[in-house]
Protein backbone atom coordinates (compact mmCIF):
# COMPACT_ATOMS: atom_id res chain seq x y z
CA MET A 1 64.64 -149.72 35.02
CA PRO A 2 64.90 -149.65 38.94
CA PRO A 3 65.59 -145.88 40.27
CA ARG A 4 69.22 -145.10 41.25
CA PRO A 5 69.97 -144.71 44.91
CA THR A 6 70.45 -141.12 46.01
CA PRO A 7 74.36 -140.54 46.95
CA ARG A 8 74.68 -139.43 50.71
CA PRO A 9 76.68 -136.42 51.54
CA THR A 10 80.02 -136.82 52.99
CA PRO A 11 80.19 -135.86 56.62
CA ARG A 12 82.30 -132.82 57.26
CA PRO A 13 84.80 -132.65 60.07
CA SER A 14 83.60 -130.71 63.05
CA SER A 15 85.42 -127.52 63.99
CA ARG A 16 84.23 -127.93 67.53
CA ARG A 17 86.74 -129.18 70.23
CA PRO A 18 85.56 -131.86 72.34
CA ARG A 19 84.19 -130.82 75.66
CA ALA A 20 86.86 -132.65 77.59
CA ALA A 21 89.76 -130.62 76.38
CA ARG A 22 88.18 -127.46 77.65
CA PRO A 23 89.05 -128.04 81.33
CA ALA A 24 92.70 -128.90 80.43
CA ALA A 25 93.32 -125.80 78.55
CA LEU A 26 91.59 -123.74 81.27
CA THR A 27 93.99 -125.25 83.84
CA ALA A 28 97.04 -124.48 81.83
CA ALA A 29 95.99 -121.01 81.36
CA LEU A 30 95.49 -120.51 85.12
CA ALA A 31 98.82 -122.07 85.95
CA PHE A 32 100.67 -119.66 83.64
CA GLY A 33 98.78 -116.78 85.10
CA LEU A 34 99.86 -117.58 88.58
CA ALA A 35 103.53 -118.46 87.60
CA ALA A 36 104.17 -115.34 85.78
CA PRO A 37 103.58 -112.89 88.80
CA LEU A 38 105.87 -115.29 90.97
CA ALA A 39 108.53 -115.23 88.35
CA LEU A 40 108.65 -111.41 88.23
CA ALA A 41 108.64 -111.13 92.09
CA ALA A 42 111.42 -113.75 92.44
CA PRO A 43 114.30 -111.21 92.27
CA ALA A 44 112.69 -108.89 94.74
CA LEU A 45 112.39 -112.00 97.35
CA ALA A 46 115.96 -112.96 96.88
CA HIS A 47 118.31 -112.80 99.90
CA ASP A 48 121.09 -110.28 100.29
CA ARG A 49 124.65 -111.73 98.75
CA LEU A 50 128.28 -110.87 99.33
CA VAL A 51 129.36 -108.50 96.39
CA ALA A 52 133.11 -107.96 97.37
CA SER A 53 135.30 -108.15 100.36
CA SER A 54 138.59 -106.54 101.59
CA PRO A 55 140.82 -108.51 101.68
CA ALA A 56 139.14 -110.71 98.74
CA ASP A 57 139.01 -114.25 98.95
CA GLY A 58 142.58 -115.79 98.33
CA ASP A 59 144.27 -112.33 98.54
CA VAL A 60 147.94 -112.28 99.68
CA VAL A 61 148.62 -108.99 101.66
CA GLY A 62 151.74 -107.71 103.38
CA THR A 63 150.18 -107.69 106.89
CA ALA A 64 146.64 -108.25 108.11
CA PRO A 65 144.76 -105.20 107.94
CA ASP A 66 143.05 -103.31 110.66
CA THR A 67 139.47 -104.19 109.56
CA VAL A 68 137.97 -106.71 107.31
CA ASP A 69 135.22 -105.30 105.04
CA LEU A 70 132.19 -107.05 103.73
CA GLU A 71 130.27 -105.26 100.62
CA MET A 72 126.59 -106.74 100.44
CA SER A 73 124.01 -106.33 97.69
CA GLU A 74 121.88 -104.61 100.02
CA THR A 75 121.78 -102.73 103.43
CA PRO A 76 121.84 -105.82 106.01
CA LEU A 77 120.39 -105.56 109.47
CA ALA A 78 122.87 -105.11 112.39
CA LEU A 79 120.94 -107.62 114.66
CA GLY A 80 122.33 -111.12 114.30
CA THR A 81 125.18 -109.92 112.04
CA LEU A 82 128.47 -111.68 113.03
CA VAL A 83 131.98 -111.90 111.47
CA GLU A 84 134.82 -113.97 113.02
CA VAL A 85 138.37 -113.81 111.64
CA THR A 86 140.61 -116.46 112.85
CA GLY A 87 144.53 -116.29 112.33
CA PRO A 88 147.47 -118.69 112.88
CA GLY A 89 147.33 -118.10 116.68
CA GLY A 90 143.59 -118.08 117.14
CA LEU A 91 140.67 -115.53 117.07
CA VAL A 92 142.03 -112.09 116.05
CA SER A 93 138.56 -110.30 115.48
CA THR A 94 137.58 -107.97 118.29
CA GLY A 95 134.47 -106.14 119.17
CA GLU A 96 131.13 -105.98 117.45
CA PRO A 97 130.85 -105.55 113.54
CA ARG A 98 129.67 -102.11 112.30
CA VAL A 99 127.15 -101.79 109.61
CA VAL A 100 127.34 -98.57 107.41
CA ASP A 101 124.92 -98.78 104.43
CA SER A 102 125.67 -101.92 102.58
CA THR A 103 129.15 -102.38 104.12
CA VAL A 104 129.98 -104.68 107.29
CA SER A 105 133.30 -103.87 108.94
CA GLN A 106 134.93 -105.99 111.66
CA SER A 107 137.95 -104.63 113.62
CA LEU A 108 141.03 -107.13 114.20
CA GLY A 109 143.29 -107.19 117.22
CA ALA A 110 146.63 -105.45 117.54
CA GLU A 111 148.83 -108.58 117.23
CA ARG A 112 148.36 -110.16 113.90
CA PRO A 113 150.93 -112.77 112.92
CA ALA A 114 151.91 -113.74 109.52
CA GLY A 115 149.95 -116.85 107.98
CA THR A 116 146.58 -117.95 106.64
CA TYR A 117 143.30 -116.17 108.17
CA GLU A 118 140.04 -117.52 107.69
CA VAL A 119 136.93 -115.15 107.70
CA GLN A 120 133.37 -116.70 108.66
CA TRP A 121 130.69 -114.28 108.44
CA ARG A 122 126.85 -114.43 108.90
CA VAL A 123 124.64 -111.33 107.82
CA THR A 124 120.96 -110.75 108.59
CA SER A 125 119.47 -109.92 105.16
CA SER A 126 117.17 -106.79 104.58
CA ASP A 127 114.24 -109.37 104.41
CA GLY A 128 115.19 -110.80 107.86
CA HIS A 129 116.69 -114.05 106.55
CA PRO A 130 120.33 -114.85 107.51
CA VAL A 131 122.88 -115.55 104.99
CA SER A 132 126.40 -116.84 105.68
CA GLY A 133 129.75 -117.77 104.07
CA SER A 134 133.41 -117.77 104.50
CA PHE A 135 136.72 -116.91 102.75
CA THR A 136 140.35 -116.91 103.40
CA PHE A 137 143.53 -114.56 102.82
CA GLU A 138 147.22 -114.70 103.63
CA ALA A 139 149.46 -112.25 105.37
CA THR A 140 153.20 -112.41 104.42
CA GLY A 141 154.35 -110.33 107.55
CA ALA A 142 153.55 -110.07 111.17
CA LEU A 143 152.29 -107.11 113.11
CA ALA A 144 153.22 -107.02 116.74
CA GLU A 145 151.03 -105.32 119.38
CA SER A 146 153.73 -102.84 120.21
CA THR A 147 154.12 -101.64 116.71
CA ALA A 148 150.47 -101.33 116.28
CA THR A 149 149.55 -99.56 119.40
CA GLU A 150 152.37 -97.45 120.70
CA PRO A 151 152.70 -94.04 118.81
CA ALA A 152 156.15 -93.12 117.27
CA GLU A 153 158.09 -91.14 119.99
CA PRO A 154 158.79 -87.78 118.78
CA THR A 155 162.39 -86.93 118.07
CA ALA A 156 163.79 -84.60 120.66
CA PRO A 157 165.63 -81.47 119.17
CA ALA A 158 169.13 -81.47 119.34
CA GLU A 159 170.56 -79.43 122.29
CA THR A 160 172.68 -76.45 121.23
CA PRO A 161 175.76 -76.31 123.20
CA ALA A 162 176.10 -73.29 125.44
CA ALA A 163 178.79 -71.01 124.85
CA GLU A 164 181.80 -71.91 127.13
CA SER A 165 182.54 -69.01 129.67
CA PRO A 166 186.05 -68.15 130.18
CA ALA A 167 187.50 -69.92 133.22
CA ASP A 168 187.79 -67.94 136.25
CA GLU A 169 191.51 -67.18 136.99
CA PRO A 170 192.76 -68.54 140.22
CA VAL A 171 193.31 -65.92 142.91
CA SER A 172 196.68 -66.07 144.37
CA ALA A 173 196.83 -66.17 148.16
CA ASP A 174 200.04 -64.26 148.34
CA PRO A 175 199.14 -60.51 148.18
CA ALA A 176 202.66 -59.81 146.70
CA ALA A 177 201.95 -62.07 143.75
CA GLY A 178 198.85 -60.01 142.72
CA LEU A 179 200.82 -56.61 142.95
CA GLY A 180 203.65 -57.95 140.93
CA GLY A 181 207.11 -56.11 141.29
CA SER A 182 205.70 -52.91 142.39
CA GLY A 183 204.04 -54.56 145.43
CA THR A 184 207.48 -55.32 146.79
CA GLY A 185 208.92 -51.73 146.47
CA ALA A 186 205.56 -50.46 148.27
CA LEU A 187 206.17 -52.90 151.28
CA VAL A 188 209.69 -51.55 151.60
CA GLY A 189 208.45 -47.95 151.60
CA VAL A 190 206.02 -48.79 154.31
CA LEU A 191 208.64 -50.44 156.51
CA ALA A 192 210.96 -47.41 156.12
CA ALA A 193 208.18 -45.08 157.15
CA VAL A 194 207.52 -47.12 160.33
CA VAL A 195 211.23 -47.06 161.26
CA VAL A 196 211.28 -43.29 160.72
CA VAL A 197 208.08 -42.77 162.86
CA LEU A 198 209.62 -44.87 165.59
CA ALA A 199 212.78 -43.01 165.46
CA GLY A 200 211.02 -39.72 165.76
CA VAL A 201 209.06 -40.98 168.84
CA GLY A 202 212.18 -42.13 170.31
CA ALA A 203 213.84 -38.81 170.00
CA VAL A 204 210.74 -37.14 171.54
CA LEU A 205 211.00 -39.29 174.57
CA ARG A 206 214.60 -38.59 175.12
CA THR A 207 213.99 -34.93 174.78
CA ARG A 208 211.62 -34.93 177.49
CA ARG A 209 213.85 -37.11 179.72
CA GLY A 210 216.57 -34.62 179.38
CA ARG A 211 214.43 -31.55 180.45
CA ARG A 212 213.44 -33.43 183.61
């Protein structure tokens, strides 16, 4: 009998990856390693943003406020920061904006009519990049320049009326009126005394003439 052929062993699949797949896997690992630090650093590189404002966007107030305040997420730079507030009659913002910590304040003029106001702002972020935006609010009442700038006049104290002094009695030109009834009797006595003196003088004169 002819000999049987020896069976060949079944080849096992190789556990080794093809060499061509290794560069692709290495590239993916490097890309992930570079992307992870950038993703973690993204919040630190984000620009400042507007957190809140007073008045807020769409607010309805009685009269326009003295200042418009912007609250930023970080402390901005004063250089390049600009806030313009426009009312029904035109530009009402006055002076330069003030930066205190993370708040930007813009003063408004004294005359602020009723109507819609638009706030356009541009702030220099802490990283040096400018950010900008706008919002509106409405004032239902007007604020005139006189009421905004002139202080209230103090109320003068009520004057206390002075005590009325008694009216001076008129002095009569007639001396007899001041003496009353007794003045007339005194006058008669004086005249009688004068007559007596004159009579005595006359008697003396007559006596002297008789002696001569």
